[in-house]
Amino acid sequence: MKKNIYLLILFFSLVTNNTFAQNNIMKLKLSYGLVEIELYPEKAPNHVKRFKELADSGKYDGVVFHRVIDGFMAQTGDVKFGNSKSADFNLSLAGTGGSDLPNVKAEFSDIAHTRGIISAARSADPDSANSQFFICFENAPHLDRQYSAFGKVIKGMEFIDMIKKGDPNSGSVPDPDKIISLRSK
């Protein structure tokens, strides 16, 4: 009897862990290919919640990578001015907007800003993150504990590397790539 109970507990823990892991995998479709992102709700629960909410409601679809600096990062997520499908689309304002939802308070953690890390973009105010995020091309230790990292690319980083790069100083991209779709797996 005890053996059956242990087996039952083991089975449910495996199923629950697998379901939990699946719920924290996102699929980012780019023109170059499919990217998988693992989210870290235990490190930045509010950022993960916001990211999934916007993604699963289609808010990121059509949003451009408005700021891309070779060897550093690709920034996107301006659902107000950066959505190429929206009447409000304005490339010169992309990077200044966000969603209609309130800003998310900082959730700094011990996650290092290494290659593939997804982190919340913000203004000088640490509690100003809203919808924008960036993906690190390379290690960026100067961002550690200064920005809220909430996920990492686990497949398809080669497609992130293909995103059109912008001006070496400002990162501004005149003809930017865009997110085709972003959803939970």
Protein backbone atom coordinates (compact mmCIF):
# COMPACT_ATOMS: atom_id res chain seq x y z
CA MET A 1 0.00 0.00 0.00
CA LYS A 2 2.79 2.43 0.96
CA LYS A 3 4.54 1.64 -2.32
CA ASN A 4 1.38 2.56 -4.29
CA ILE A 5 1.02 5.83 -2.39
CA TYR A 6 4.66 6.75 -3.10
CA LEU A 7 4.20 5.90 -6.78
CA LEU A 8 1.04 8.01 -6.91
CA ILE A 9 2.80 10.97 -5.27
CA LEU A 10 5.74 10.60 -7.65
CA PHE A 11 3.41 10.46 -10.66
CA PHE A 12 1.49 13.60 -9.64
CA SER A 13 4.66 15.52 -8.86
CA LEU A 14 6.08 14.69 -12.30
CA VAL A 15 2.84 15.65 -14.05
CA THR A 16 2.53 18.87 -12.03
CA ASN A 17 6.17 19.85 -12.61
CA ASN A 18 5.87 19.19 -16.34
CA THR A 19 2.63 21.18 -16.56
CA PHE A 20 4.20 24.03 -14.57
CA ALA A 21 7.24 24.03 -16.86
CA GLN A 22 5.04 24.00 -19.98
CA ASN A 23 3.05 26.97 -18.66
CA ASN A 24 6.26 28.98 -18.44
CA ILE A 25 7.51 28.39 -21.97
CA MET A 26 6.74 31.03 -24.59
CA LYS A 27 6.97 30.75 -28.37
CA LEU A 28 8.25 33.84 -30.17
CA LYS A 29 7.79 33.70 -33.93
CA LEU A 30 10.13 35.85 -36.01
CA SER A 31 10.54 35.97 -39.78
CA TYR A 32 13.81 34.06 -39.28
CA GLY A 33 12.37 31.20 -37.21
CA LEU A 34 10.80 30.11 -33.93
CA VAL A 35 12.31 31.04 -30.56
CA GLU A 36 11.46 29.41 -27.22
CA ILE A 37 11.67 31.40 -24.01
CA GLU A 38 11.60 29.97 -20.50
CA LEU A 39 10.09 32.31 -17.91
CA TYR A 40 11.18 32.59 -14.26
CA PRO A 41 8.03 33.29 -12.19
CA GLU A 42 9.86 32.41 -8.98
CA LYS A 43 12.29 35.31 -9.60
CA ALA A 44 9.99 37.96 -11.13
CA PRO A 45 6.35 36.88 -10.72
CA ASN A 46 4.77 40.20 -11.66
CA HIS A 47 6.90 40.68 -14.77
CA VAL A 48 6.14 37.12 -15.91
CA LYS A 49 2.44 37.65 -15.30
CA ARG A 50 2.42 40.90 -17.32
CA PHE A 51 4.50 39.39 -20.15
CA LYS A 52 2.19 36.39 -20.46
CA GLU A 53 -0.93 38.54 -20.24
CA LEU A 54 0.19 40.82 -23.07
CA ALA A 55 1.56 37.97 -25.16
CA ASP A 56 -1.45 35.68 -24.86
CA SER A 57 -3.82 38.55 -25.69
CA GLY A 58 -1.88 39.19 -28.93
CA LYS A 59 -0.59 42.62 -27.88
CA TYR A 60 2.98 41.86 -28.97
CA ASP A 61 2.02 40.64 -32.45
CA GLY A 62 3.40 43.11 -35.02
CA VAL A 63 5.54 45.01 -32.49
CA VAL A 64 8.92 46.11 -33.89
CA PHE A 65 12.41 45.72 -32.46
CA HIS A 66 12.90 49.49 -32.31
CA ARG A 67 16.29 49.56 -30.54
CA VAL A 68 18.93 46.98 -31.43
CA ILE A 69 22.60 47.38 -30.51
CA ASP A 70 25.01 44.81 -31.93
CA GLY A 71 26.83 42.93 -29.18
CA PHE A 72 24.43 44.23 -26.52
CA MET A 73 20.66 43.72 -26.87
CA ALA A 74 17.46 43.87 -28.95
CA GLN A 75 14.61 45.89 -27.43
CA THR A 76 10.93 45.56 -28.32
CA GLY A 77 7.54 45.51 -26.62
CA ASP A 78 6.20 49.03 -27.13
CA VAL A 79 2.60 47.93 -27.70
CA LYS A 80 1.40 51.53 -28.11
CA PHE A 81 3.73 53.19 -30.65
CA GLY A 82 5.74 50.15 -31.78
CA ASN A 83 2.89 47.98 -33.05
CA SER A 84 3.11 48.07 -36.85
CA LYS A 85 -0.51 46.84 -37.05
CA SER A 86 -1.89 49.71 -34.97
CA ALA A 87 -3.20 53.12 -36.02
CA ASP A 88 -0.93 54.56 -33.29
CA PHE A 89 2.22 53.09 -34.91
CA ASN A 90 4.95 55.72 -35.02
CA LEU A 91 8.51 54.48 -35.40
CA SER A 92 9.94 57.78 -34.15
CA LEU A 93 7.96 57.34 -30.89
CA ALA A 94 8.57 53.59 -30.56
CA GLY A 95 10.25 53.01 -27.22
CA THR A 96 8.30 55.72 -25.42
CA GLY A 97 5.00 53.88 -25.01
CA GLY A 98 3.59 50.94 -23.13
CA SER A 99 0.30 49.22 -22.42
CA ASP A 100 -2.75 50.72 -20.74
CA LEU A 101 -1.94 48.64 -17.65
CA PRO A 102 -0.17 50.12 -14.62
CA ASN A 103 3.63 49.92 -14.43
CA VAL A 104 5.27 46.94 -12.74
CA LYS A 105 7.48 47.46 -9.68
CA ALA A 106 11.11 46.34 -9.95
CA GLU A 107 11.88 42.70 -9.17
CA PHE A 108 15.67 42.69 -9.15
CA SER A 109 17.19 39.27 -8.53
CA ASP A 110 20.39 37.25 -8.73
CA ILE A 111 19.76 36.39 -12.41
CA ALA A 112 22.80 37.56 -14.35
CA HIS A 113 22.24 39.37 -17.65
CA THR A 114 23.94 36.77 -19.80
CA ARG A 115 23.40 35.85 -23.46
CA GLY A 116 19.71 35.13 -24.09
CA ILE A 117 18.31 36.70 -20.91
CA ILE A 118 14.95 38.48 -21.25
CA SER A 119 14.67 41.57 -19.06
CA ALA A 120 12.18 44.39 -18.56
CA ALA A 121 13.02 47.71 -20.21
CA ARG A 122 12.25 50.82 -18.17
CA SER A 123 13.04 54.51 -17.76
CA ALA A 124 15.37 55.87 -15.05
CA ASP A 125 12.64 55.00 -12.52
CA PRO A 126 13.21 51.35 -11.46
CA ASP A 127 9.44 50.90 -11.04
CA SER A 128 8.52 52.08 -14.56
CA ALA A 129 8.56 48.77 -16.48
CA ASN A 130 5.34 48.20 -18.40
CA SER A 131 5.37 46.22 -21.66
CA GLN A 132 8.83 46.72 -23.16
CA PHE A 133 11.58 44.14 -22.84
CA PHE A 134 14.97 43.32 -24.26
CA ILE A 135 16.96 40.21 -25.11
CA CYS A 136 20.70 40.20 -24.41
CA PHE A 137 23.00 39.27 -27.32
CA GLU A 138 25.98 38.99 -24.97
CA ASN A 139 26.74 39.14 -21.26
CA ALA A 140 25.86 42.54 -19.77
CA PRO A 141 26.92 42.43 -16.09
CA HIS A 142 26.41 46.19 -15.68
CA LEU A 143 22.64 45.48 -15.87
CA ASP A 144 22.66 42.89 -13.05
CA ARG A 145 20.43 43.87 -10.12
CA GLN A 146 19.52 47.06 -12.03
CA TYR A 147 16.89 45.56 -14.36
CA SER A 148 14.26 42.87 -13.78
CA ALA A 149 15.33 39.74 -15.61
CA PHE A 150 12.41 37.34 -16.00
CA GLY A 151 13.30 34.73 -18.62
CA LYS A 152 15.80 33.28 -21.06
CA VAL A 153 15.90 32.10 -24.66
CA ILE A 154 16.29 28.31 -24.54
CA LYS A 155 15.93 27.57 -28.27
CA GLY A 156 16.43 29.67 -31.37
CA MET A 157 18.98 32.20 -30.16
CA GLU A 158 20.46 32.06 -33.66
CA PHE A 159 17.23 33.73 -34.88
CA ILE A 160 17.56 36.48 -32.27
CA ASP A 161 21.10 37.07 -33.54
CA MET A 162 19.64 37.71 -37.04
CA ILE A 163 17.47 40.66 -35.92
CA LYS A 164 18.44 43.79 -37.87
CA LYS A 165 20.93 45.90 -35.97
CA GLY A 166 20.49 49.61 -35.50
CA ASP A 167 22.76 52.62 -35.21
CA PRO A 168 25.83 51.66 -33.13
CA ASN A 169 25.22 54.56 -30.71
CA SER A 170 21.45 54.91 -30.37
CA GLY A 171 20.35 51.47 -31.55
CA SER A 172 17.64 53.10 -33.68
CA VAL A 173 16.55 50.80 -36.52
CA PRO A 174 15.14 52.51 -39.65
CA ASP A 175 13.46 49.37 -41.07
CA PRO A 176 13.04 47.12 -38.01
CA ASP A 177 12.16 43.46 -37.75
CA LYS A 178 8.98 42.68 -35.85
CA ILE A 179 7.39 40.04 -33.70
CA ILE A 180 5.09 37.89 -35.82
CA SER A 181 3.54 36.27 -32.77
CA LEU A 182 4.31 35.61 -29.10
CA ARG A 183 2.26 33.11 -27.09
CA SER A 184 2.44 30.61 -24.25
CA LYS A 185 3.41 27.16 -25.47
